[in-house]
Amino acid sequence: MAARRRVLASIAAAAGLAVMTAGCAGAGGGSTSSSGESGGGGDRSINVIMVNNPQMEDLQKLTADNFTAETGITVNYTVLPENDVRDSIQTDFSSQAGQYDVATISNYETPFFSKNGWIANLDDYVAEDSDFDQDDILGPIADGLKGEDGSQYAQPFYGESSFLMYRTDVFEQAGLTMPEKPTWDEVAQLAAQVDGAQPGMKGICLRGQSGWGQVFAPLTTVVNTFGGTWFDEDWNAQVNAPPFVEATQFYVDLVQQHGEPDAANAGFTECLNAMTQGGVAMWYDATSAAGSLEADGSPVQGKVGYVPAPVRDTASSGWLYSWAFAIQEASQKKDDAWEFISWASSKEYEELVGEQIGWSSVPAGKRSSTYENPDYQASAQAFYEATENAISSADPNNPGVQPRPAPGIQFVAIPEFAGMATQVSQGVSAAIAGQQTVQQALDAGQPLAQAAADANK
């Protein structure tokens, strides 16, 4: 791949392509930027639409002086908040309008985007690009970005799972020991014991905010390990079946009794703040949170322990999520689009981030080599092993105790899931707030889930 890029750079230089400084435009909802401009409006450019998180902002900063300078390919970025970017990508890719060559999608969208023929099969590119090292991609991450035909349709930018974070100093002071592999029943007991261990401290933080990616991210993993599922293998909805109800009741009881204040409105950000500021002793959430807890200046740096996601009836229960890059099938610039993806998803790019921005900012969670890198290990000493183990043990095809009709751990990879689960989540959040019972919430959710299932039969 490196040799191929040098050839491309030589061709670009011979063609007189000039690389300019990156620029940004836009405000509020998002921004657009270009990695460079060719003086005569040359055709070696691609359009990339992506979510506006910090890792992607770093990518923008590094593109012009590295990727464009090396290949001569200008990258025109459109950067939007998550909800907006999903809508824009869905619109452009479903119509095959071809406005964007590359987009950030996740392991949620990949299965049905590929099934619908909206994104390009990447197998030939992978086979021809030995420097990319597909075998270095963590198995569960790679598998989540495949289609039903087993082909690779997207490549990861970063990945995450979930684990349980806890205050080691608080547990020590209370004379408590966190099991190496806790069960949810043990976690509930510990939450009761550390509730009030320090002034204003609650036992645990669990997301309660409505949304398929808020309360149902952690809650669905609890449902899985309690023996429940959104759908059985024949697409029969199971939302008000006993295991789903039991898991949800357990979750609601735990957060009501020992969770953060105003839990019905607490999402990832609120729990992160609560954990960082000493408001809770435990937190079950994304592995990506550890970087913030261990960042320089964090009040809890060096005071947090990390153990696997709690279980009951399954061997593991951590979720799996990745932001990844895919090529629109309608793109007329697939070769250049692959050049970009192979760079952004590469070991080379991670090393670039580590050297120029800092190893704590590396978009990790996707490559085995990252977790063998001494520089990254030093930066992420407290949590890198726990993160890698969580991702490696995640199984998006078999996350529970029964066969599933579609992949996914904290979601079900069908187009209808996001809207349906968000509606059901509103009832669960209301139950957390004490406005209705869990049974009422899930009875109301059952026909919504069945309608989503019927669309896939």
Protein backbone atom coordinates (compact mmCIF):
# COMPACT_ATOMS: atom_id res chain seq x y z
CA MET A 1 0.00 0.00 0.00
CA ALA A 2 2.81 2.43 0.87
CA ALA A 3 4.45 1.83 -2.49
CA ARG A 4 1.14 2.34 -4.23
CA ARG A 5 0.69 5.64 -2.45
CA ARG A 6 4.16 6.80 -3.45
CA VAL A 7 3.27 6.09 -7.07
CA LEU A 8 0.05 8.06 -6.67
CA ALA A 9 1.97 10.92 -5.11
CA SER A 10 4.40 10.96 -8.03
CA ILE A 11 1.53 11.01 -10.50
CA ALA A 12 -0.08 13.83 -8.57
CA ALA A 13 3.13 15.83 -8.54
CA ALA A 14 3.61 15.31 -12.25
CA ALA A 15 0.09 16.55 -12.85
CA GLY A 16 0.92 19.73 -10.98
CA LEU A 17 -1.53 19.22 -8.09
CA ALA A 18 -1.05 21.75 -5.34
CA VAL A 19 -1.97 20.95 -1.75
CA MET A 20 -3.48 23.76 0.26
CA THR A 21 -4.19 24.21 3.95
CA ALA A 22 -7.34 22.60 5.31
CA GLY A 23 -10.27 24.89 5.92
CA CYS A 24 -13.65 24.66 7.67
CA ALA A 25 -16.98 26.35 7.05
CA GLY A 26 -20.33 26.12 8.74
CA ALA A 27 -21.66 26.53 12.25
CA GLY A 28 -24.10 25.02 14.68
CA GLY A 29 -25.25 21.73 13.22
CA GLY A 30 -22.00 20.79 11.54
CA SER A 31 -19.27 21.83 9.19
CA THR A 32 -17.72 21.15 5.85
CA SER A 33 -14.04 21.22 5.05
CA SER A 34 -11.57 20.23 2.39
CA SER A 35 -8.23 18.55 2.86
CA GLY A 36 -6.88 20.61 0.00
CA GLU A 37 -7.76 22.28 -3.26
CA SER A 38 -6.25 21.72 -6.68
CA GLY A 39 -5.52 24.93 -8.49
CA GLY A 40 -7.47 24.00 -11.60
CA GLY A 41 -10.28 22.12 -9.87
CA GLY A 42 -8.70 18.72 -10.61
CA ASP A 43 -10.78 15.58 -10.51
CA ARG A 44 -8.74 13.68 -7.93
CA SER A 45 -11.08 14.42 -5.07
CA ILE A 46 -13.64 12.53 -3.01
CA ASN A 47 -16.56 13.63 -0.87
CA VAL A 48 -16.72 12.18 2.64
CA ILE A 49 -19.62 12.62 5.08
CA MET A 50 -18.97 11.71 8.71
CA VAL A 51 -20.12 12.13 12.29
CA ASN A 52 -18.74 15.08 14.28
CA ASN A 53 -16.91 13.42 17.14
CA PRO A 54 -13.38 14.24 18.36
CA GLN A 55 -11.71 11.38 16.52
CA MET A 56 -13.13 12.57 13.21
CA GLU A 57 -12.07 16.12 13.99
CA ASP A 58 -8.51 14.83 14.37
CA LEU A 59 -8.86 13.09 11.02
CA GLN A 60 -9.77 16.37 9.36
CA LYS A 61 -6.73 18.08 10.84
CA LEU A 62 -4.33 15.39 9.62
CA THR A 63 -5.67 14.75 6.12
CA ALA A 64 -4.14 17.55 4.06
CA ASP A 65 -0.56 17.32 5.26
CA ASN A 66 -0.50 13.54 5.17
CA PHE A 67 -3.05 11.73 3.00
CA THR A 68 -3.51 14.44 0.36
CA ALA A 69 0.19 15.30 0.29
CA GLU A 70 1.00 11.63 -0.22
CA THR A 71 -1.67 10.66 -2.74
CA GLY A 72 -2.82 13.87 -4.39
CA ILE A 73 -6.42 13.04 -3.48
CA THR A 74 -8.37 15.97 -2.06
CA VAL A 75 -10.92 15.06 0.61
CA ASN A 76 -14.00 17.26 0.89
CA TYR A 77 -15.56 16.65 4.30
CA THR A 78 -19.14 17.16 5.42
CA VAL A 79 -19.33 16.79 9.20
CA LEU A 80 -22.65 16.58 11.08
CA PRO A 81 -24.07 15.50 14.47
CA GLU A 82 -25.02 11.83 14.72
CA ASN A 83 -28.76 12.11 14.09
CA ASP A 84 -28.26 14.52 11.20
CA VAL A 85 -25.46 12.52 9.60
CA ARG A 86 -27.51 9.32 9.73
CA ASP A 87 -30.43 11.05 7.99
CA SER A 88 -28.21 12.55 5.30
CA ILE A 89 -26.41 9.27 4.62
CA GLN A 90 -29.65 7.31 4.52
CA THR A 91 -31.13 9.76 2.01
CA ASP A 92 -28.11 9.88 -0.29
CA PHE A 93 -27.21 6.19 -0.18
CA SER A 94 -30.77 4.84 -0.44
CA SER A 95 -31.34 6.90 -3.58
CA GLN A 96 -27.82 6.20 -4.85
CA ALA A 97 -27.55 9.91 -5.60
CA GLY A 98 -23.78 9.71 -5.43
CA GLN A 99 -23.28 13.01 -3.64
CA TYR A 100 -20.90 11.32 -1.21
CA ASP A 101 -18.27 8.74 -2.10
CA VAL A 102 -17.56 7.67 1.49
CA ALA A 103 -19.65 7.78 4.66
CA THR A 104 -19.30 6.83 8.29
CA ILE A 105 -21.76 4.08 9.10
CA SER A 106 -21.75 1.61 11.96
CA ASN A 107 -22.22 -2.09 12.47
CA TYR A 108 -25.91 -1.23 12.91
CA GLU A 109 -26.38 -0.04 9.32
CA THR A 110 -23.86 -2.25 7.50
CA PRO A 111 -25.97 -5.44 7.20
CA PHE A 112 -29.01 -3.79 5.60
CA PHE A 113 -27.06 -1.18 3.63
CA SER A 114 -25.13 -4.03 2.00
CA LYS A 115 -28.26 -6.15 1.50
CA ASN A 116 -29.91 -3.21 -0.27
CA GLY A 117 -26.92 -2.74 -2.56
CA TRP A 118 -26.18 0.76 -1.27
CA ILE A 119 -22.51 0.20 -0.41
CA ALA A 120 -19.65 -1.40 -2.32
CA ASN A 121 -18.17 -4.82 -1.62
CA LEU A 122 -14.60 -4.25 -0.41
CA ASP A 123 -13.26 -7.80 -0.71
CA ASP A 124 -11.26 -7.19 -3.88
CA TYR A 125 -9.66 -4.08 -2.44
CA VAL A 126 -8.71 -5.94 0.73
CA ALA A 127 -7.26 -8.84 -1.27
CA GLU A 128 -5.10 -6.53 -3.38
CA ASP A 129 -3.95 -4.35 -0.47
CA SER A 130 -1.62 -6.51 1.62
CA ASP A 131 -0.34 -3.52 3.60
CA PHE A 132 -3.82 -2.92 5.01
CA ASP A 133 -3.57 -6.16 7.05
CA GLN A 134 -7.20 -7.22 7.37
CA ASP A 135 -6.20 -10.01 9.75
CA ASP A 136 -5.11 -7.38 12.27
CA ILE A 137 -8.72 -6.13 12.61
CA LEU A 138 -10.34 -7.55 15.75
CA GLY A 139 -12.64 -10.40 14.76
CA PRO A 140 -15.93 -9.14 16.24
CA ILE A 141 -15.37 -5.67 14.77
CA ALA A 142 -14.66 -7.06 11.29
CA ASP A 143 -17.60 -9.48 11.47
CA GLY A 144 -20.00 -6.68 12.37
CA LEU A 145 -19.05 -4.88 9.17
CA LYS A 146 -19.82 -7.77 6.85
CA GLY A 147 -22.90 -8.43 4.79
CA GLU A 148 -25.08 -11.55 4.72
CA ASP A 149 -22.82 -12.89 1.98
CA GLY A 150 -19.83 -12.81 4.32
CA SER A 151 -18.06 -10.06 2.38
CA GLN A 152 -16.49 -6.98 3.95
CA TYR A 153 -18.52 -3.84 3.24
CA ALA A 154 -16.95 -1.34 5.65
CA GLN A 155 -13.70 -0.82 7.51
CA PRO A 156 -13.57 0.42 11.11
CA PHE A 157 -12.28 3.78 12.26
CA TYR A 158 -12.66 2.85 15.92
CA GLY A 159 -14.57 0.36 18.01
CA GLU A 160 -15.94 -0.09 21.51
CA SER A 161 -17.62 -2.55 23.81
CA SER A 162 -18.98 -2.06 27.32
CA PHE A 163 -17.69 -2.84 30.79
CA LEU A 164 -18.26 -2.05 34.45
CA MET A 165 -16.24 0.80 35.92
CA TYR A 166 -15.88 1.20 39.68
CA ARG A 167 -14.05 3.34 42.22
CA THR A 168 -11.29 1.15 43.60
CA ASP A 169 -10.58 3.55 46.48
CA VAL A 170 -14.22 3.60 47.57
CA PHE A 171 -14.43 -0.18 47.47
CA GLU A 172 -11.22 -0.49 49.49
CA GLN A 173 -12.45 1.94 52.12
CA ALA A 174 -15.72 0.01 52.36
CA GLY A 175 -13.90 -3.33 52.62
CA LEU A 176 -15.51 -4.61 49.42
CA THR A 177 -14.04 -6.66 46.59
CA MET A 178 -15.22 -6.44 43.00
CA PRO A 179 -15.43 -9.93 41.43
CA GLU A 180 -13.22 -10.44 38.38
CA LYS A 181 -16.33 -11.40 36.39
CA PRO A 182 -19.35 -10.00 38.23
CA THR A 183 -22.94 -11.08 37.84
CA TRP A 184 -25.76 -8.57 37.81
CA ASP A 185 -27.02 -9.88 41.15
CA GLU A 186 -23.58 -9.21 42.65
CA VAL A 187 -23.54 -5.73 41.14
CA ALA A 188 -26.93 -4.96 42.68
CA GLN A 189 -25.65 -6.06 46.10
CA LEU A 190 -22.52 -3.96 45.75
CA ALA A 191 -24.54 -0.94 44.61
CA ALA A 192 -26.54 -1.13 47.83
CA GLN A 193 -23.36 -1.40 49.91
CA VAL A 194 -21.56 1.58 48.36
CA ASP A 195 -24.64 3.79 48.14
CA GLY A 196 -23.74 6.69 50.42
CA ALA A 197 -20.14 5.55 50.90
CA GLN A 198 -19.16 9.19 50.42
CA PRO A 199 -21.34 12.29 50.83
CA GLY A 200 -23.74 12.54 47.89
CA MET A 201 -22.46 9.34 46.27
CA LYS A 202 -24.91 6.82 44.80
CA GLY A 203 -24.16 3.19 44.13
CA ILE A 204 -24.30 3.06 40.32
CA CYS A 205 -25.04 5.05 37.19
CA LEU A 206 -27.13 3.47 34.44
CA ARG A 207 -28.52 5.33 31.45
CA GLY A 208 -32.22 6.12 31.78
CA GLN A 209 -32.65 8.68 29.04
CA SER A 210 -35.00 7.66 26.25
CA GLY A 211 -33.50 6.66 22.90
CA TRP A 212 -32.46 3.44 21.20
CA GLY A 213 -28.84 4.46 21.70
CA GLN A 214 -29.34 5.72 25.24
CA VAL A 215 -31.26 3.60 27.75
CA PHE A 216 -31.55 0.62 25.40
CA ALA A 217 -27.82 0.39 24.73
CA PRO A 218 -27.03 -0.94 28.23
CA LEU A 219 -30.51 -2.31 28.90
CA THR A 220 -30.57 -4.57 25.84
CA THR A 221 -27.34 -6.22 27.03
CA VAL A 222 -29.08 -6.91 30.34
CA VAL A 223 -32.06 -8.35 28.47
CA ASN A 224 -29.74 -10.64 26.50
CA THR A 225 -28.00 -12.06 29.53
CA PHE A 226 -31.30 -12.49 31.40
CA GLY A 227 -32.47 -14.78 28.59
CA GLY A 228 -34.55 -12.26 26.69
CA THR A 229 -34.51 -10.98 23.12
CA TRP A 230 -36.30 -8.40 20.99
CA PHE A 231 -37.29 -11.08 18.44
CA ASP A 232 -37.08 -14.84 18.24
CA GLU A 233 -35.61 -16.48 15.15
CA ASP A 234 -39.02 -16.46 13.42
CA TRP A 235 -39.47 -12.69 13.88
CA ASN A 236 -41.94 -12.95 16.73
CA ALA A 237 -41.60 -9.93 19.03
CA GLN A 238 -40.67 -10.79 22.63
CA VAL A 239 -40.80 -7.36 24.27
CA ASN A 240 -43.42 -8.27 26.88
CA ALA A 241 -42.23 -11.87 27.29
CA PRO A 242 -41.16 -12.80 30.86
CA PRO A 243 -37.35 -12.62 30.37
CA PHE A 244 -37.52 -9.15 28.78
CA VAL A 245 -39.84 -7.96 31.54
CA GLU A 246 -37.66 -9.44 34.29
CA ALA A 247 -34.49 -7.82 32.93
CA THR A 248 -36.14 -4.43 32.52
CA GLN A 249 -37.69 -4.59 36.00
CA PHE A 250 -34.28 -5.45 37.45
CA TYR A 251 -32.69 -2.51 35.65
CA VAL A 252 -35.42 -0.07 36.66
CA ASP A 253 -35.35 -1.21 40.29
CA LEU A 254 -31.56 -0.92 40.46
CA VAL A 255 -31.40 2.59 39.09
CA GLN A 256 -34.39 3.75 41.15
CA GLN A 257 -32.98 2.37 44.40
CA HIS A 258 -29.26 3.02 44.02
CA GLY A 259 -28.78 5.02 40.84
CA GLU A 260 -28.05 8.62 39.98
CA PRO A 261 -30.56 11.43 40.64
CA ASP A 262 -32.98 12.20 37.78
CA ALA A 263 -32.02 8.92 36.16
CA ALA A 264 -34.80 9.15 33.56
CA ASN A 265 -32.91 12.04 31.97
CA ALA A 266 -29.39 10.65 32.35
CA GLY A 267 -27.46 9.45 29.31
CA PHE A 268 -23.81 8.79 28.61
CA THR A 269 -22.70 12.37 29.27
CA GLU A 270 -24.56 12.66 32.57
CA CYS A 271 -23.13 9.37 33.81
CA LEU A 272 -19.63 10.37 32.73
CA ASN A 273 -19.95 13.58 34.71
CA ALA A 274 -21.36 11.73 37.73
CA MET A 275 -18.50 9.22 37.72
CA THR A 276 -15.85 11.88 37.18
CA GLN A 277 -17.18 14.17 39.91
CA GLY A 278 -17.64 11.47 42.56
CA GLY A 279 -21.40 11.23 42.28
CA VAL A 280 -21.45 7.45 41.77
CA ALA A 281 -19.26 4.52 42.78
CA MET A 282 -19.96 2.34 39.72
CA TRP A 283 -20.93 2.86 36.11
CA TYR A 284 -21.82 0.35 33.40
CA ASP A 285 -21.27 1.83 29.94
CA ALA A 286 -19.02 2.10 26.88
CA THR A 287 -15.34 1.19 27.05
CA SER A 288 -14.61 4.49 25.32
CA ALA A 289 -15.47 6.28 28.57
CA ALA A 290 -12.25 5.09 30.18
CA GLY A 291 -10.13 7.53 28.22
CA SER A 292 -12.00 10.44 29.79
CA LEU A 293 -11.84 8.99 33.30
CA GLU A 294 -8.09 8.46 33.01
CA ALA A 295 -7.31 11.72 31.22
CA ASP A 296 -4.86 14.18 32.71
CA GLY A 297 -6.75 16.43 35.08
CA SER A 298 -9.54 13.94 35.77
CA PRO A 299 -10.39 13.88 39.51
CA VAL A 300 -10.68 10.09 39.37
CA GLN A 301 -7.56 9.32 37.32
CA GLY A 302 -5.94 6.20 38.77
CA LYS A 303 -8.92 5.51 41.04
CA VAL A 304 -11.07 3.45 38.67
CA GLY A 305 -11.10 -0.29 38.06
CA TYR A 306 -12.51 -2.02 34.97
CA VAL A 307 -14.17 -5.44 34.84
CA PRO A 308 -16.28 -7.24 32.20
CA ALA A 309 -19.92 -6.41 31.60
CA PRO A 310 -22.02 -8.19 34.26
CA VAL A 311 -23.81 -11.39 33.26
CA ARG A 312 -26.47 -13.83 34.39
CA ASP A 313 -27.21 -16.57 31.82
CA THR A 314 -24.51 -15.85 29.24
CA ALA A 315 -20.72 -16.08 29.31
CA SER A 316 -20.35 -12.42 28.33
CA SER A 317 -22.67 -9.49 27.70
CA GLY A 318 -20.63 -6.53 26.50
CA TRP A 319 -22.00 -4.68 23.52
CA LEU A 320 -20.22 -4.01 20.24
CA TYR A 321 -20.14 -0.79 18.25
CA SER A 322 -17.88 0.73 15.65
CA TRP A 323 -17.85 3.78 13.45
CA ALA A 324 -16.61 2.67 10.06
CA PHE A 325 -16.14 3.91 6.53
CA ALA A 326 -18.07 2.52 3.55
CA ILE A 327 -18.11 3.43 -0.15
CA GLN A 328 -21.37 4.30 -1.87
CA GLU A 329 -22.08 1.82 -4.66
CA ALA A 330 -22.93 4.72 -6.99
CA SER A 331 -19.56 6.39 -6.46
CA GLN A 332 -17.52 6.93 -9.62
CA LYS A 333 -14.33 7.21 -7.56
CA LYS A 334 -14.19 3.91 -5.73
CA ASP A 335 -10.42 3.45 -6.13
CA ASP A 336 -9.65 6.84 -4.59
CA ALA A 337 -12.30 6.21 -1.93
CA TRP A 338 -10.54 2.98 -0.97
CA GLU A 339 -7.21 4.81 -0.78
CA PHE A 340 -8.78 7.09 1.81
CA ILE A 341 -10.43 4.31 3.79
CA SER A 342 -7.31 2.16 3.85
CA TRP A 343 -5.34 5.11 5.23
CA ALA A 344 -7.93 6.21 7.82
CA SER A 345 -8.36 2.65 9.10
CA SER A 346 -4.65 1.75 9.07
CA LYS A 347 -1.96 1.13 11.66
CA GLU A 348 -0.07 3.94 9.95
CA TYR A 349 -2.84 6.41 10.77
CA GLU A 350 -2.98 5.35 14.42
CA GLU A 351 0.76 5.94 14.73
CA LEU A 352 0.32 9.35 13.11
CA VAL A 353 -2.31 10.33 15.69
CA GLY A 354 -0.14 9.04 18.52
CA GLU A 355 2.86 11.02 17.37
CA GLN A 356 1.16 14.27 16.38
CA ILE A 357 -1.86 14.48 18.70
CA GLY A 358 -1.22 12.01 21.52
CA TRP A 359 -1.65 8.31 22.14
CA SER A 360 -4.71 8.90 24.31
CA SER A 361 -6.46 10.21 21.17
CA VAL A 362 -5.74 7.18 19.00
CA PRO A 363 -8.99 5.80 17.47
CA ALA A 364 -8.51 2.41 19.09
CA GLY A 365 -10.76 -0.61 19.50
CA LYS A 366 -10.22 -2.06 16.05
CA ARG A 367 -6.70 -3.54 15.64
CA SER A 368 -4.85 -6.18 17.63
CA SER A 369 -1.58 -4.36 17.00
CA THR A 370 -2.87 -1.30 18.88
CA TYR A 371 -2.99 -3.30 22.08
CA GLU A 372 0.53 -4.58 21.52
CA ASN A 373 1.94 -1.09 20.97
CA PRO A 374 4.08 -0.04 23.99
CA ASP A 375 3.25 3.64 23.50
CA TYR A 376 -0.48 2.96 23.54
CA GLN A 377 -0.14 0.57 26.48
CA ALA A 378 1.60 3.25 28.51
CA SER A 379 -1.12 5.78 27.75
CA ALA A 380 -4.04 3.39 28.36
CA GLN A 381 -2.43 1.25 31.06
CA ALA A 382 -5.49 1.20 33.32
CA PHE A 383 -7.99 -0.06 30.77
CA TYR A 384 -6.51 -1.26 27.48
CA GLU A 385 -6.54 -4.95 28.39
CA ALA A 386 -10.10 -4.79 29.69
CA THR A 387 -11.19 -3.00 26.52
CA GLU A 388 -9.55 -5.48 24.18
CA ASN A 389 -11.01 -8.41 26.13
CA ALA A 390 -14.49 -6.86 26.03
CA ILE A 391 -14.38 -6.35 22.28
CA SER A 392 -12.85 -9.75 21.57
CA SER A 393 -15.47 -11.60 23.63
CA ALA A 394 -18.44 -9.84 22.02
CA ASP A 395 -20.49 -11.98 19.64
CA PRO A 396 -22.94 -9.93 17.54
CA ASN A 397 -24.42 -13.06 15.95
CA ASN A 398 -25.08 -14.92 19.20
CA PRO A 399 -25.46 -12.39 22.03
CA GLY A 400 -28.06 -14.29 24.04
CA VAL A 401 -29.36 -17.75 24.84
CA GLN A 402 -31.43 -18.29 21.69
CA PRO A 403 -30.99 -17.93 17.90
CA ARG A 404 -31.62 -14.45 16.50
CA PRO A 405 -33.03 -13.44 13.10
CA ALA A 406 -30.52 -10.57 12.63
CA PRO A 407 -27.14 -9.59 14.09
CA GLY A 408 -26.57 -7.09 16.88
CA ILE A 409 -25.97 -7.05 20.62
CA GLN A 410 -27.33 -3.72 21.94
CA PHE A 411 -29.45 -3.30 18.82
CA VAL A 412 -31.01 -5.38 16.06
CA ALA A 413 -29.54 -4.61 12.65
CA ILE A 414 -32.75 -3.82 10.78
CA PRO A 415 -33.80 -0.38 9.48
CA GLU A 416 -36.93 -0.31 11.64
CA PHE A 417 -35.12 -0.86 14.94
CA ALA A 418 -33.98 2.69 15.63
CA GLY A 419 -37.42 4.27 15.40
CA MET A 420 -39.22 1.40 17.09
CA ALA A 421 -36.80 1.05 20.01
CA THR A 422 -36.81 4.79 20.59
CA GLN A 423 -40.60 4.67 20.98
CA VAL A 424 -40.39 1.74 23.40
CA SER A 425 -37.62 3.48 25.32
CA GLN A 426 -39.91 6.38 26.11
CA GLY A 427 -42.07 4.03 28.13
CA VAL A 428 -39.06 2.59 29.94
CA SER A 429 -37.82 6.08 30.84
CA ALA A 430 -41.30 6.85 32.14
CA ALA A 431 -41.13 3.71 34.28
CA ILE A 432 -37.76 4.82 35.69
CA ALA A 433 -39.38 8.16 36.53
CA GLY A 434 -42.19 6.29 38.34
CA GLN A 435 -44.87 7.40 35.90
CA GLN A 436 -45.95 3.88 34.88
CA THR A 437 -45.02 0.27 35.49
CA VAL A 438 -42.49 -1.72 33.52
CA GLN A 439 -45.23 -4.10 32.43
CA GLN A 440 -47.31 -1.23 31.08
CA ALA A 441 -44.33 0.15 29.17
CA LEU A 442 -43.46 -3.18 27.57
CA ASP A 443 -47.06 -4.15 26.82
CA ALA A 444 -47.31 -0.90 24.87
CA GLY A 445 -44.02 -1.68 23.14
CA GLN A 446 -44.96 -5.20 22.03
CA PRO A 447 -47.14 -4.23 19.02
CA LEU A 448 -44.53 -1.67 17.94
CA ALA A 449 -41.89 -4.37 17.95
CA GLN A 450 -44.15 -6.81 16.13
CA ALA A 451 -44.77 -4.27 13.38
CA ALA A 452 -41.01 -3.91 12.92
CA ALA A 453 -40.66 -7.68 12.86
CA ASP A 454 -43.43 -8.13 10.32
CA ALA A 455 -41.60 -5.81 7.94
CA ASN A 456 -38.71 -8.29 7.93
CA LYS A 457 -40.57 -11.59 7.61
